[in-house]
Amino acid sequence: MTNHPGSGEAPAESTLSARDLSRTFGGARAVDGIDLELRRGEVLGLLGPNGAGKTTTMQMLTGNLAPSSGSISICGVDLLERPAAAKARLGYLPEIPPLYKELRVDEYLRLAARLHRVPRAGVKDALEQAKTRCGLDRMGQRLIGSLSKGYQQRVGIAQAIIHTPDVVILDEPTVGLDPNQIREIRSLIRELSGRHSVILSTHILPEVEAVCDRVQILHRGRIVFNDEIEALRQYRGTPALLLAFRRAPGTQELSALPGVATVRRLDDGMYRIERAPGLDPIDALVQAAVAGDWGLTHLAPEHATLEDVFVQLTRQDAALQGEASA
């Protein structure tokens, strides 16, 4: 796990750093001046809706696409100036794994080891370690094309780590898997962080919560959120209030209280109150409940799910961009 400020320990070293990274296609800017920092032992979730710029960002970070501007370094090695040396420290699993399905698992992983310039004398050990870590010990003589989708993903991850890179980048590694396979791959990703730094690109919000230490959310090519996963769980903007009463008042009585913007009665009998901007109606609600003998039994902020936060952040960013272009 990553060391965080205030923990009394020195911050973990950076394994990947991107500064002011941009990419344009014609007149369109797909990635707009983003900064990205990955620390040793960390799993960073790269999250965003379709068209947010995730794939373009991943292609630049792996050296498959040159940025229009900005810099990328892998363990202090400049990816643009010394691409071979920087890529030697990277492992990459694209969304569609680069598998040769007519090969056996061992044949394919030996090929991957040679392509990653693992010394010939070390190929056997590298092969066995990668298979063991990815749960492929008994699959070496199986044709890749005969394996399930989950095991094919394991082979894809094995080729990405066979040269023991400092940074492993995984693009949508659980797409198309069944629930059991998803759990297995998530567990493998968490295990990878023991030796590697990991960037996980995904659309799946529970996946981010299950395996990531920190998350960056992209929208329209820009970072709109960058913090630890716990901060994302706690992010609510200004949360609504949920209330329950033994003797419920009318919605008009609640709406008339200072600080209350809107009132909605929910199907379970509770009330959901939106706060007026800059005002807190809690004191007024409690005083009115006592004076009116409403029997207040529940008063708490509404819990925001990761999906709620994601939608809120991307909508806020879209609104701000709309105002800027007006």
C-alpha atoms as a PDB file:
ATOM      1  CA  MET A   1       0.000   0.000   0.000  1.00  0.00           C
ATOM      2  CA  THR A   2       1.057   3.563  -0.580  1.00  0.00           C
ATOM      3  CA  ASN A   3       2.432   5.763   2.175  1.00  0.00           C
ATOM      4  CA  HIS A   4       0.316   8.874   2.555  1.00  0.00           C
ATOM      5  CA  PRO A   5       1.076  12.321   3.942  1.00  0.00           C
ATOM      6  CA  GLY A   6       0.735  12.418   7.694  1.00  0.00           C
ATOM      7  CA  SER A   7       1.545   8.722   8.110  1.00  0.00           C
ATOM      8  CA  GLY A   8       4.984   9.496   9.538  1.00  0.00           C
ATOM      9  CA  GLU A   9       6.685   7.683   6.657  1.00  0.00           C
ATOM     10  CA  ALA A  10       8.468   9.088   3.629  1.00  0.00           C
ATOM     11  CA  PRO A  11       6.295   9.214   0.492  1.00  0.00           C
ATOM     12  CA  ALA A  12       6.794   6.267  -1.861  1.00  0.00           C
ATOM     13  CA  GLU A  13       9.007   6.955  -4.844  1.00  0.00           C
ATOM     14  CA  SER A  14       7.464   7.873  -8.175  1.00  0.00           C
ATOM     15  CA  THR A  15       7.561   5.186 -10.858  1.00  0.00           C
ATOM     16  CA  LEU A  16       5.670   7.077 -13.579  1.00  0.00           C
ATOM     17  CA  SER A  17       5.291  10.809 -14.050  1.00  0.00           C
ATOM     18  CA  ALA A  18       3.444  12.660 -16.810  1.00  0.00           C
ATOM     19  CA  ARG A  19       3.394  16.445 -16.956  1.00  0.00           C
ATOM     20  CA  ASP A  20       1.091  18.706 -19.009  1.00  0.00           C
ATOM     21  CA  LEU A  21       0.267  15.828 -21.339  1.00  0.00           C
ATOM     22  CA  SER A  22      -1.806  16.779 -24.389  1.00  0.00           C
ATOM     23  CA  ARG A  23      -2.805  15.180 -27.662  1.00  0.00           C
ATOM     24  CA  THR A  24      -4.720  16.698 -30.552  1.00  0.00           C
ATOM     25  CA  PHE A  25      -6.180  14.995 -33.609  1.00  0.00           C
ATOM     26  CA  GLY A  26      -6.739  17.559 -36.321  1.00  0.00           C
ATOM     27  CA  GLY A  27      -8.483  20.404 -34.530  1.00  0.00           C
ATOM     28  CA  ALA A  28      -9.827  18.249 -31.706  1.00  0.00           C
ATOM     29  CA  ARG A  29      -7.995  17.962 -28.376  1.00  0.00           C
ATOM     30  CA  ALA A  30      -8.464  14.443 -26.985  1.00  0.00           C
ATOM     31  CA  VAL A  31      -6.219  14.981 -23.939  1.00  0.00           C
ATOM     32  CA  ASP A  32      -5.823  18.462 -22.511  1.00  0.00           C
ATOM     33  CA  GLY A  33      -2.807  19.147 -20.291  1.00  0.00           C
ATOM     34  CA  ILE A  34      -3.157  16.381 -17.711  1.00  0.00           C
ATOM     35  CA  ASP A  35      -0.683  15.552 -14.932  1.00  0.00           C
ATOM     36  CA  LEU A  36      -0.350  12.008 -13.664  1.00  0.00           C
ATOM     37  CA  GLU A  37       1.838  10.584 -10.893  1.00  0.00           C
ATOM     38  CA  LEU A  38       2.149   6.908  -9.972  1.00  0.00           C
ATOM     39  CA  ARG A  39       3.914   5.786  -6.786  1.00  0.00           C
ATOM     40  CA  ARG A  40       5.630   2.477  -6.112  1.00  0.00           C
ATOM     41  CA  GLY A  41       3.254  -0.182  -4.813  1.00  0.00           C
ATOM     42  CA  GLU A  42       0.167   1.838  -5.769  1.00  0.00           C
ATOM     43  CA  VAL A  43      -2.864   0.825  -7.826  1.00  0.00           C
ATOM     44  CA  LEU A  44      -4.167   3.906  -9.647  1.00  0.00           C
ATOM     45  CA  GLY A  45      -7.605   3.769 -11.230  1.00  0.00           C
ATOM     46  CA  LEU A  46      -8.001   5.743 -14.451  1.00  0.00           C
ATOM     47  CA  LEU A  47     -11.710   6.296 -14.812  1.00  0.00           C
ATOM     48  CA  GLY A  48     -13.879   8.128 -17.304  1.00  0.00           C
ATOM     49  CA  PRO A  49     -16.875   7.870 -19.632  1.00  0.00           C
ATOM     50  CA  ASN A  50     -16.508   6.896 -23.275  1.00  0.00           C
ATOM     51  CA  GLY A  51     -14.616   9.605 -25.142  1.00  0.00           C
ATOM     52  CA  ALA A  52     -12.975  10.965 -21.975  1.00  0.00           C
ATOM     53  CA  GLY A  53      -9.449  10.398 -23.309  1.00  0.00           C
ATOM     54  CA  LYS A  54      -8.511   7.258 -21.342  1.00  0.00           C
ATOM     55  CA  THR A  55      -7.385   5.189 -24.330  1.00  0.00           C
ATOM     56  CA  THR A  56      -5.393   8.065 -25.805  1.00  0.00           C
ATOM     57  CA  THR A  57      -3.745   8.629 -22.418  1.00  0.00           C
ATOM     58  CA  MET A  58      -2.857   4.934 -22.082  1.00  0.00           C
ATOM     59  CA  GLN A  59      -1.389   4.872 -25.581  1.00  0.00           C
ATOM     60  CA  MET A  60       0.831   7.843 -24.741  1.00  0.00           C
ATOM     61  CA  LEU A  61       1.925   6.428 -21.383  1.00  0.00           C
ATOM     62  CA  THR A  62       2.984   3.172 -23.047  1.00  0.00           C
ATOM     63  CA  GLY A  63       4.852   4.881 -25.880  1.00  0.00           C
ATOM     64  CA  ASN A  64       2.430   3.732 -28.591  1.00  0.00           C
ATOM     65  CA  LEU A  65       1.341   7.284 -29.388  1.00  0.00           C
ATOM     66  CA  ALA A  66       3.457  10.427 -29.262  1.00  0.00           C
ATOM     67  CA  PRO A  67       1.968  13.317 -27.255  1.00  0.00           C
ATOM     68  CA  SER A  68       1.420  16.653 -28.965  1.00  0.00           C
ATOM     69  CA  SER A  69       3.036  18.249 -25.913  1.00  0.00           C
ATOM     70  CA  GLY A  70       4.160  17.330 -22.420  1.00  0.00           C
ATOM     71  CA  SER A  71       6.587  14.843 -20.913  1.00  0.00           C
ATOM     72  CA  ILE A  72       6.513  11.256 -19.594  1.00  0.00           C
ATOM     73  CA  SER A  73       9.148   9.553 -17.478  1.00  0.00           C
ATOM     74  CA  ILE A  74       9.275   5.969 -16.236  1.00  0.00           C
ATOM     75  CA  CYS A  75      11.424   5.588 -13.108  1.00  0.00           C
ATOM     76  CA  GLY A  76      13.239   8.771 -14.102  1.00  0.00           C
ATOM     77  CA  VAL A  77      13.820   7.671 -17.722  1.00  0.00           C
ATOM     78  CA  ASP A  78      12.353  10.034 -20.344  1.00  0.00           C
ATOM     79  CA  LEU A  79       9.993   8.012 -22.543  1.00  0.00           C
ATOM     80  CA  LEU A  80      10.359  10.351 -25.516  1.00  0.00           C
ATOM     81  CA  GLU A  81      14.137  10.693 -25.402  1.00  0.00           C
ATOM     82  CA  ARG A  82      14.995   7.098 -24.415  1.00  0.00           C
ATOM     83  CA  PRO A  83      11.980   4.998 -25.447  1.00  0.00           C
ATOM     84  CA  ALA A  84      13.670   1.573 -25.354  1.00  0.00           C
ATOM     85  CA  ALA A  85      15.063   2.091 -21.837  1.00  0.00           C
ATOM     86  CA  ALA A  86      11.752   3.466 -20.541  1.00  0.00           C
ATOM     87  CA  LYS A  87       9.611   0.737 -22.138  1.00  0.00           C
ATOM     88  CA  ALA A  88      11.836  -1.939 -20.565  1.00  0.00           C
ATOM     89  CA  ARG A  89      10.327  -0.841 -17.233  1.00  0.00           C
ATOM     90  CA  LEU A  90       6.731  -1.087 -18.523  1.00  0.00           C
ATOM     91  CA  GLY A  91       4.290  -3.972 -18.848  1.00  0.00           C
ATOM     92  CA  TYR A  92       1.083  -3.445 -20.830  1.00  0.00           C
ATOM     93  CA  LEU A  93      -2.145  -5.372 -21.296  1.00  0.00           C
ATOM     94  CA  PRO A  94      -4.368  -3.642 -23.879  1.00  0.00           C
ATOM     95  CA  GLU A  95      -8.128  -4.104 -23.862  1.00  0.00           C
ATOM     96  CA  ILE A  96      -7.777  -6.791 -26.542  1.00  0.00           C
ATOM     97  CA  PRO A  97      -4.910  -9.000 -25.286  1.00  0.00           C
ATOM     98  CA  PRO A  98      -2.151  -9.525 -27.903  1.00  0.00           C
ATOM     99  CA  LEU A  99      -2.422 -13.322 -27.843  1.00  0.00           C
ATOM    100  CA  TYR A 100      -1.385 -15.854 -30.489  1.00  0.00           C
ATOM    101  CA  LYS A 101      -4.131 -18.374 -29.909  1.00  0.00           C
ATOM    102  CA  GLU A 102      -2.495 -21.092 -31.997  1.00  0.00           C
ATOM    103  CA  LEU A 103       0.464 -21.189 -29.562  1.00  0.00           C
ATOM    104  CA  ARG A 104       0.686 -23.052 -26.287  1.00  0.00           C
ATOM    105  CA  VAL A 105       0.898 -20.931 -23.129  1.00  0.00           C
ATOM    106  CA  ASP A 106       4.579 -21.753 -22.571  1.00  0.00           C
ATOM    107  CA  GLU A 107       5.465 -21.029 -26.200  1.00  0.00           C
ATOM    108  CA  TYR A 108       3.754 -17.673 -26.090  1.00  0.00           C
ATOM    109  CA  LEU A 109       5.291 -16.608 -22.789  1.00  0.00           C
ATOM    110  CA  ARG A 110       8.774 -17.605 -23.981  1.00  0.00           C
ATOM    111  CA  LEU A 111       8.211 -15.397 -27.020  1.00  0.00           C
ATOM    112  CA  ALA A 112       7.030 -12.545 -24.757  1.00  0.00           C
ATOM    113  CA  ALA A 113      10.131 -12.951 -22.586  1.00  0.00           C
ATOM    114  CA  ARG A 114      12.421 -12.715 -25.595  1.00  0.00           C
ATOM    115  CA  LEU A 115      10.549  -9.661 -26.930  1.00  0.00           C
ATOM    116  CA  HIS A 116      10.979  -8.042 -23.516  1.00  0.00           C
ATOM    117  CA  ARG A 117      14.708  -8.834 -23.720  1.00  0.00           C
ATOM    118  CA  VAL A 118      14.812 -11.173 -20.760  1.00  0.00           C
ATOM    119  CA  PRO A 119      18.324 -12.728 -20.854  1.00  0.00           C
ATOM    120  CA  ARG A 120      18.211 -16.211 -22.386  1.00  0.00           C
ATOM    121  CA  ALA A 121      19.534 -17.789 -19.186  1.00  0.00           C
ATOM    122  CA  GLY A 122      16.713 -16.205 -17.178  1.00  0.00           C
ATOM    123  CA  VAL A 123      13.789 -17.052 -19.472  1.00  0.00           C
ATOM    124  CA  LYS A 124      12.880 -20.347 -17.749  1.00  0.00           C
ATOM    125  CA  ASP A 125      12.730 -18.781 -14.275  1.00  0.00           C
ATOM    126  CA  ALA A 126      10.818 -15.742 -15.577  1.00  0.00           C
ATOM    127  CA  LEU A 127       8.320 -18.048 -17.291  1.00  0.00           C
ATOM    128  CA  GLU A 128       7.688 -20.128 -14.177  1.00  0.00           C
ATOM    129  CA  GLN A 129       7.347 -17.095 -11.911  1.00  0.00           C
ATOM    130  CA  ALA A 130       4.873 -15.374 -14.245  1.00  0.00           C
ATOM    131  CA  LYS A 131       2.781 -18.541 -14.545  1.00  0.00           C
ATOM    132  CA  THR A 132       2.754 -19.080 -10.780  1.00  0.00           C
ATOM    133  CA  ARG A 133       1.734 -15.507 -10.045  1.00  0.00           C
ATOM    134  CA  CYS A 134      -1.066 -15.656 -12.624  1.00  0.00           C
ATOM    135  CA  GLY A 135      -2.376 -19.104 -11.661  1.00  0.00           C
ATOM    136  CA  LEU A 136      -1.196 -20.778 -14.870  1.00  0.00           C
ATOM    137  CA  ASP A 137       1.063 -23.494 -13.443  1.00  0.00           C
ATOM    138  CA  ARG A 138      -0.882 -26.344 -15.037  1.00  0.00           C
ATOM    139  CA  MET A 139      -1.708 -24.527 -18.258  1.00  0.00           C
ATOM    140  CA  GLY A 140       1.720 -24.441 -19.915  1.00  0.00           C
ATOM    141  CA  GLN A 141       0.939 -27.044 -22.575  1.00  0.00           C
ATOM    142  CA  ARG A 142      -2.590 -25.845 -23.293  1.00  0.00           C
ATOM    143  CA  LEU A 143      -3.350 -24.036 -26.539  1.00  0.00           C
ATOM    144  CA  ILE A 144      -4.278 -20.425 -25.742  1.00  0.00           C
ATOM    145  CA  GLY A 145      -7.284 -20.662 -28.049  1.00  0.00           C
ATOM    146  CA  SER A 146      -8.696 -23.517 -25.957  1.00  0.00           C
ATOM    147  CA  LEU A 147      -8.645 -21.519 -22.717  1.00  0.00           C
ATOM    148  CA  SER A 148     -11.586 -19.667 -21.202  1.00  0.00           C
ATOM    149  CA  LYS A 149     -11.715 -15.886 -21.486  1.00  0.00           C
ATOM    150  CA  GLY A 150     -10.620 -15.594 -17.856  1.00  0.00           C
ATOM    151  CA  TYR A 151      -7.525 -17.720 -18.380  1.00  0.00           C
ATOM    152  CA  GLN A 152      -6.716 -15.873 -21.589  1.00  0.00           C
ATOM    153  CA  GLN A 153      -6.731 -12.655 -19.535  1.00  0.00           C
ATOM    154  CA  ARG A 154      -4.343 -14.328 -17.096  1.00  0.00           C
ATOM    155  CA  VAL A 155      -2.011 -15.158 -19.980  1.00  0.00           C
ATOM    156  CA  GLY A 156      -2.245 -11.527 -21.110  1.00  0.00           C
ATOM    157  CA  ILE A 157      -1.263 -10.320 -17.628  1.00  0.00           C
ATOM    158  CA  ALA A 158       1.544 -12.896 -17.477  1.00  0.00           C
ATOM    159  CA  GLN A 159       3.109 -11.505 -20.667  1.00  0.00           C
ATOM    160  CA  ALA A 160       2.886  -8.003 -19.167  1.00  0.00           C
ATOM    161  CA  ILE A 161       4.821  -8.962 -16.014  1.00  0.00           C
ATOM    162  CA  ILE A 162       7.224 -11.619 -17.306  1.00  0.00           C
ATOM    163  CA  HIS A 163      10.135  -9.138 -17.388  1.00  0.00           C
ATOM    164  CA  THR A 164       9.318  -7.849 -13.854  1.00  0.00           C
ATOM    165  CA  PRO A 165       8.551  -4.269 -14.906  1.00  0.00           C
ATOM    166  CA  ASP A 166       8.237  -1.429 -12.428  1.00  0.00           C
ATOM    167  CA  VAL A 167       4.929  -0.255 -13.951  1.00  0.00           C
ATOM    168  CA  VAL A 168       2.067  -2.461 -15.195  1.00  0.00           C
ATOM    169  CA  ILE A 169      -0.707  -0.811 -17.224  1.00  0.00           C
ATOM    170  CA  LEU A 170      -3.982  -2.731 -17.612  1.00  0.00           C
ATOM    171  CA  ASP A 171      -6.727  -1.555 -19.965  1.00  0.00           C
ATOM    172  CA  GLU A 172     -10.181  -2.921 -19.078  1.00  0.00           C
ATOM    173  CA  PRO A 173      -8.803  -6.278 -17.853  1.00  0.00           C
ATOM    174  CA  THR A 174     -12.160  -7.740 -16.706  1.00  0.00           C
ATOM    175  CA  VAL A 175     -14.356  -6.888 -19.703  1.00  0.00           C
ATOM    176  CA  GLY A 176     -16.354  -9.912 -20.816  1.00  0.00           C
ATOM    177  CA  LEU A 177     -15.549 -12.066 -17.783  1.00  0.00           C
ATOM    178  CA  ASP A 178     -18.071 -13.841 -15.580  1.00  0.00           C
ATOM    179  CA  PRO A 179     -18.406 -12.830 -11.883  1.00  0.00           C
ATOM    180  CA  ASN A 180     -16.053 -15.558 -10.612  1.00  0.00           C
ATOM    181  CA  GLN A 181     -13.403 -14.669 -13.189  1.00  0.00           C
ATOM    182  CA  ILE A 182     -13.750 -10.978 -12.321  1.00  0.00           C
ATOM    183  CA  ARG A 183     -13.084 -11.715  -8.641  1.00  0.00           C
ATOM    184  CA  GLU A 184     -10.009 -13.761  -9.551  1.00  0.00           C
ATOM    185  CA  ILE A 185      -8.554 -11.048 -11.814  1.00  0.00           C
ATOM    186  CA  ARG A 186      -9.219  -8.344  -9.198  1.00  0.00           C
ATOM    187  CA  SER A 187      -7.408 -10.442  -6.603  1.00  0.00           C
ATOM    188  CA  LEU A 188      -4.493 -10.846  -9.021  1.00  0.00           C
ATOM    189  CA  ILE A 189      -4.335  -7.077  -9.599  1.00  0.00           C
ATOM    190  CA  ARG A 190      -4.126  -6.455  -5.851  1.00  0.00           C
ATOM    191  CA  GLU A 191      -1.333  -9.021  -5.614  1.00  0.00           C
ATOM    192  CA  LEU A 192       0.567  -7.309  -8.437  1.00  0.00           C
ATOM    193  CA  SER A 193       0.873  -4.119  -6.394  1.00  0.00           C
ATOM    194  CA  GLY A 194       3.221  -5.965  -4.043  1.00  0.00           C
ATOM    195  CA  ARG A 195       5.976  -5.811  -6.658  1.00  0.00           C
ATOM    196  CA  HIS A 196       4.753  -3.357  -9.262  1.00  0.00           C
ATOM    197  CA  SER A 197       2.933  -0.058  -9.599  1.00  0.00           C
ATOM    198  CA  VAL A 198      -0.330  -0.566 -11.476  1.00  0.00           C
ATOM    199  CA  ILE A 199      -2.515   1.697 -13.609  1.00  0.00           C
ATOM    200  CA  LEU A 200      -5.976   0.241 -14.125  1.00  0.00           C
ATOM    201  CA  SER A 201      -8.228   1.757 -16.764  1.00  0.00           C
ATOM    202  CA  THR A 202     -11.846   0.741 -16.319  1.00  0.00           C
ATOM    203  CA  HIS A 203     -15.494   1.750 -16.730  1.00  0.00           C
ATOM    204  CA  ILE A 204     -16.516  -0.414 -13.756  1.00  0.00           C
ATOM    205  CA  LEU A 205     -16.947   1.643 -10.595  1.00  0.00           C
ATOM    206  CA  PRO A 206     -17.031  -1.292  -8.113  1.00  0.00           C
ATOM    207  CA  GLU A 207     -13.742  -2.453  -9.612  1.00  0.00           C
ATOM    208  CA  VAL A 208     -12.126   0.872  -8.721  1.00  0.00           C
ATOM    209  CA  GLU A 209     -13.423   0.605  -5.156  1.00  0.00           C
ATOM    210  CA  ALA A 210     -12.279  -3.018  -4.842  1.00  0.00           C
ATOM    211  CA  VAL A 211      -8.679  -2.729  -6.018  1.00  0.00           C
ATOM    212  CA  CYS A 212      -7.480   0.885  -6.280  1.00  0.00           C
ATOM    213  CA  ASP A 213      -5.628   3.060  -3.766  1.00  0.00           C
ATOM    214  CA  ARG A 214      -6.205   6.263  -5.716  1.00  0.00           C
ATOM    215  CA  VAL A 215      -8.363   7.350  -8.618  1.00  0.00           C
ATOM    216  CA  GLN A 216      -8.143   9.933 -11.377  1.00  0.00           C
ATOM    217  CA  ILE A 217     -11.333  10.720 -13.271  1.00  0.00           C
ATOM    218  CA  LEU A 218     -11.022  12.059 -16.808  1.00  0.00           C
ATOM    219  CA  HIS A 219     -13.743  13.972 -18.617  1.00  0.00           C
ATOM    220  CA  ARG A 220     -13.327  15.548 -22.035  1.00  0.00           C
ATOM    221  CA  GLY A 221      -9.586  15.074 -21.858  1.00  0.00           C
ATOM    222  CA  ARG A 222      -9.080  16.761 -18.475  1.00  0.00           C
ATOM    223  CA  ILE A 223      -8.637  15.484 -14.919  1.00  0.00           C
ATOM    224  CA  VAL A 224     -11.727  16.382 -12.874  1.00  0.00           C
ATOM    225  CA  PHE A 225     -10.835  14.354  -9.752  1.00  0.00           C
ATOM    226  CA  ASN A 226      -7.509  13.139  -8.361  1.00  0.00           C
ATOM    227  CA  ASP A 227      -7.413  11.723  -4.841  1.00  0.00           C
ATOM    228  CA  GLU A 228      -7.286   8.580  -2.733  1.00  0.00           C
ATOM    229  CA  ILE A 229     -10.167   6.140  -3.065  1.00  0.00           C
ATOM    230  CA  GLU A 230     -11.412   6.982   0.453  1.00  0.00           C
ATOM    231  CA  ALA A 231     -11.823  10.630  -0.569  1.00  0.00           C
ATOM    232  CA  LEU A 232     -13.921   9.526  -3.532  1.00  0.00           C
ATOM    233  CA  ARG A 233     -16.140   7.465  -1.231  1.00  0.00           C
ATOM    234  CA  GLN A 234     -16.636  10.476   1.047  1.00  0.00           C
ATOM    235  CA  TYR A 235     -17.142  13.018  -1.733  1.00  0.00           C
ATOM    236  CA  ARG A 236     -20.688  14.269  -1.708  1.00  0.00           C
ATOM    237  CA  GLY A 237     -20.544  17.924  -2.695  1.00  0.00           C
ATOM    238  CA  THR A 238     -23.466  19.179  -0.596  1.00  0.00           C
ATOM    239  CA  PRO A 239     -25.385  15.992   0.280  1.00  0.00           C
ATOM    240  CA  ALA A 240     -29.124  15.856   0.603  1.00  0.00           C
ATOM    241  CA  LEU A 241     -30.668  14.949   3.961  1.00  0.00           C
ATOM    242  CA  LEU A 242     -32.772  11.858   4.640  1.00  0.00           C
ATOM    243  CA  LEU A 243     -35.391  12.111   7.403  1.00  0.00           C
ATOM    244  CA  ALA A 244     -38.021   9.862   8.965  1.00  0.00           C
ATOM    245  CA  PHE A 245     -40.800  10.713  11.448  1.00  0.00           C
ATOM    246  CA  ARG A 246     -43.268   8.800  13.606  1.00  0.00           C
ATOM    247  CA  ARG A 247     -45.899  11.450  12.850  1.00  0.00           C
ATOM    248  CA  ALA A 248     -44.944  12.838   9.474  1.00  0.00           C
ATOM    249  CA  PRO A 249     -45.558  16.526   8.725  1.00  0.00           C
ATOM    250  CA  GLY A 250     -46.739  17.720   5.353  1.00  0.00           C
ATOM    251  CA  THR A 251     -44.208  18.509   2.643  1.00  0.00           C
ATOM    252  CA  GLN A 252     -45.370  22.144   2.693  1.00  0.00           C
ATOM    253  CA  GLU A 253     -44.394  22.467   6.375  1.00  0.00           C
ATOM    254  CA  LEU A 254     -40.930  21.125   5.622  1.00  0.00           C
ATOM    255  CA  SER A 255     -40.527  23.283   2.521  1.00  0.00           C
ATOM    256  CA  ALA A 256     -41.239  26.421   4.552  1.00  0.00           C
ATOM    257  CA  LEU A 257     -38.261  25.874   6.878  1.00  0.00           C
ATOM    258  CA  PRO A 258     -35.155  28.024   6.332  1.00  0.00           C
ATOM    259  CA  GLY A 259     -32.394  26.292   4.374  1.00  0.00           C
ATOM    260  CA  VAL A 260     -34.732  23.797   2.675  1.00  0.00           C
ATOM    261  CA  ALA A 261     -34.683  23.969  -1.126  1.00  0.00           C
ATOM    262  CA  THR A 262     -36.846  20.980  -2.108  1.00  0.00           C
ATOM    263  CA  VAL A 263     -38.694  18.175  -0.318  1.00  0.00           C
ATOM    264  CA  ARG A 264     -39.574  14.772  -1.762  1.00  0.00           C
ATOM    265  CA  ARG A 265     -41.335  11.894  -0.011  1.00  0.00           C
ATOM    266  CA  LEU A 266     -39.694   8.573  -0.869  1.00  0.00           C
ATOM    267  CA  ASP A 267     -41.409   5.214  -1.423  1.00  0.00           C
ATOM    268  CA  ASP A 268     -40.250   3.917   1.980  1.00  0.00           C
ATOM    269  CA  GLY A 269     -41.916   6.834   3.797  1.00  0.00           C
ATOM    270  CA  MET A 270     -38.717   8.791   4.335  1.00  0.00           C
ATOM    271  CA  TYR A 271     -38.186  12.354   3.156  1.00  0.00           C
ATOM    272  CA  ARG A 272     -35.340  13.596   1.018  1.00  0.00           C
ATOM    273  CA  ILE A 273     -34.480  17.267   1.509  1.00  0.00           C
ATOM    274  CA  GLU A 274     -32.161  19.224  -0.781  1.00  0.00           C
ATOM    275  CA  ARG A 275     -30.357  22.034   1.008  1.00  0.00           C
ATOM    276  CA  ALA A 276     -30.523  25.617  -0.240  1.00  0.00           C
ATOM    277  CA  PRO A 277     -27.097  26.876  -1.440  1.00  0.00           C
ATOM    278  CA  GLY A 278     -24.955  28.048   1.474  1.00  0.00           C
ATOM    279  CA  LEU A 279     -27.557  27.195   4.117  1.00  0.00           C
ATOM    280  CA  ASP A 280     -27.880  24.334   6.594  1.00  0.00           C
ATOM    281  CA  PRO A 281     -31.475  23.470   7.609  1.00  0.00           C
ATOM    282  CA  ILE A 282     -30.595  20.893  10.297  1.00  0.00           C
ATOM    283  CA  ASP A 283     -31.159  23.140  13.352  1.00  0.00           C
ATOM    284  CA  ALA A 284     -34.458  24.407  11.973  1.00  0.00           C
ATOM    285  CA  LEU A 285     -35.589  20.841  11.193  1.00  0.00           C
ATOM    286  CA  VAL A 286     -34.815  19.582  14.694  1.00  0.00           C
ATOM    287  CA  GLN A 287     -36.505  22.566  16.383  1.00  0.00           C
ATOM    288  CA  ALA A 288     -39.615  22.216  14.195  1.00  0.00           C
ATOM    289  CA  ALA A 289     -39.780  18.470  14.854  1.00  0.00           C
ATOM    290  CA  VAL A 290     -39.706  19.044  18.624  1.00  0.00           C
ATOM    291  CA  ALA A 291     -42.212  21.901  18.522  1.00  0.00           C
ATOM    292  CA  GLY A 292     -44.572  19.997  16.244  1.00  0.00           C
ATOM    293  CA  ASP A 293     -44.169  16.639  18.049  1.00  0.00           C
ATOM    294  CA  TRP A 294     -43.293  14.962  14.733  1.00  0.00           C
ATOM    295  CA  GLY A 295     -41.255  12.221  16.387  1.00  0.00           C
ATOM    296  CA  LEU A 296     -38.058  12.615  14.372  1.00  0.00           C
ATOM    297  CA  THR A 297     -36.461   9.139  14.154  1.00  0.00           C
ATOM    298  CA  HIS A 298     -33.827   9.579  11.441  1.00  0.00           C
ATOM    299  CA  LEU A 299     -31.756  12.504  10.205  1.00  0.00           C
ATOM    300  CA  ALA A 300     -28.577  11.842   8.187  1.00  0.00           C
ATOM    301  CA  PRO A 301     -26.806  12.957   5.029  1.00  0.00           C
ATOM    302  CA  GLU A 302     -27.634  10.871   1.998  1.00  0.00           C
ATOM    303  CA  HIS A 303     -24.803   8.465   1.171  1.00  0.00           C
ATOM    304  CA  ALA A 304     -23.358   9.123  -2.276  1.00  0.00           C
ATOM    305  CA  THR A 305     -22.362   6.023  -4.227  1.00  0.00           C
ATOM    306  CA  LEU A 306     -19.314   6.052  -6.477  1.00  0.00           C
ATOM    307  CA  GLU A 307     -21.696   6.200  -9.408  1.00  0.00           C
ATOM    308  CA  ASP A 308     -23.383   9.310  -7.955  1.00  0.00           C
ATOM    309  CA  VAL A 309     -19.990  10.976  -7.479  1.00  0.00           C
ATOM    310  CA  PHE A 310     -18.850  10.057 -10.973  1.00  0.00           C
ATOM    311  CA  VAL A 311     -22.004  11.485 -12.562  1.00  0.00           C
ATOM    312  CA  GLN A 312     -21.809  14.616 -10.401  1.00  0.00           C
ATOM    313  CA  LEU A 313     -18.165  15.300 -11.280  1.00  0.00           C
ATOM    314  CA  THR A 314     -18.566  14.780 -15.009  1.00  0.00           C
ATOM    315  CA  ARG A 315     -21.769  16.849 -15.124  1.00  0.00           C
ATOM    316  CA  GLN A 316     -20.114  19.660 -13.185  1.00  0.00           C
ATOM    317  CA  ASP A 317     -17.206  19.655 -15.616  1.00  0.00           C
ATOM    318  CA  ALA A 318     -19.543  19.671 -18.605  1.00  0.00           C
ATOM    319  CA  ALA A 319     -21.472  22.617 -17.126  1.00  0.00           C
ATOM    320  CA  LEU A 320     -18.276  24.578 -16.482  1.00  0.00           C
ATOM    321  CA  GLN A 321     -17.063  23.974 -20.033  1.00  0.00           C
ATOM    322  CA  GLY A 322     -20.433  25.064 -21.377  1.00  0.00           C
ATOM    323  CA  GLU A 323     -20.226  28.325 -19.401  1.00  0.00           C
ATOM    324  CA  ALA A 324     -16.664  28.929 -20.603  1.00  0.00           C
ATOM    325  CA  SER A 325     -17.668  28.519 -24.254  1.00  0.00           C
ATOM    326  CA  ALA A 326     -20.791  30.688 -23.936  1.00  0.00           C
END
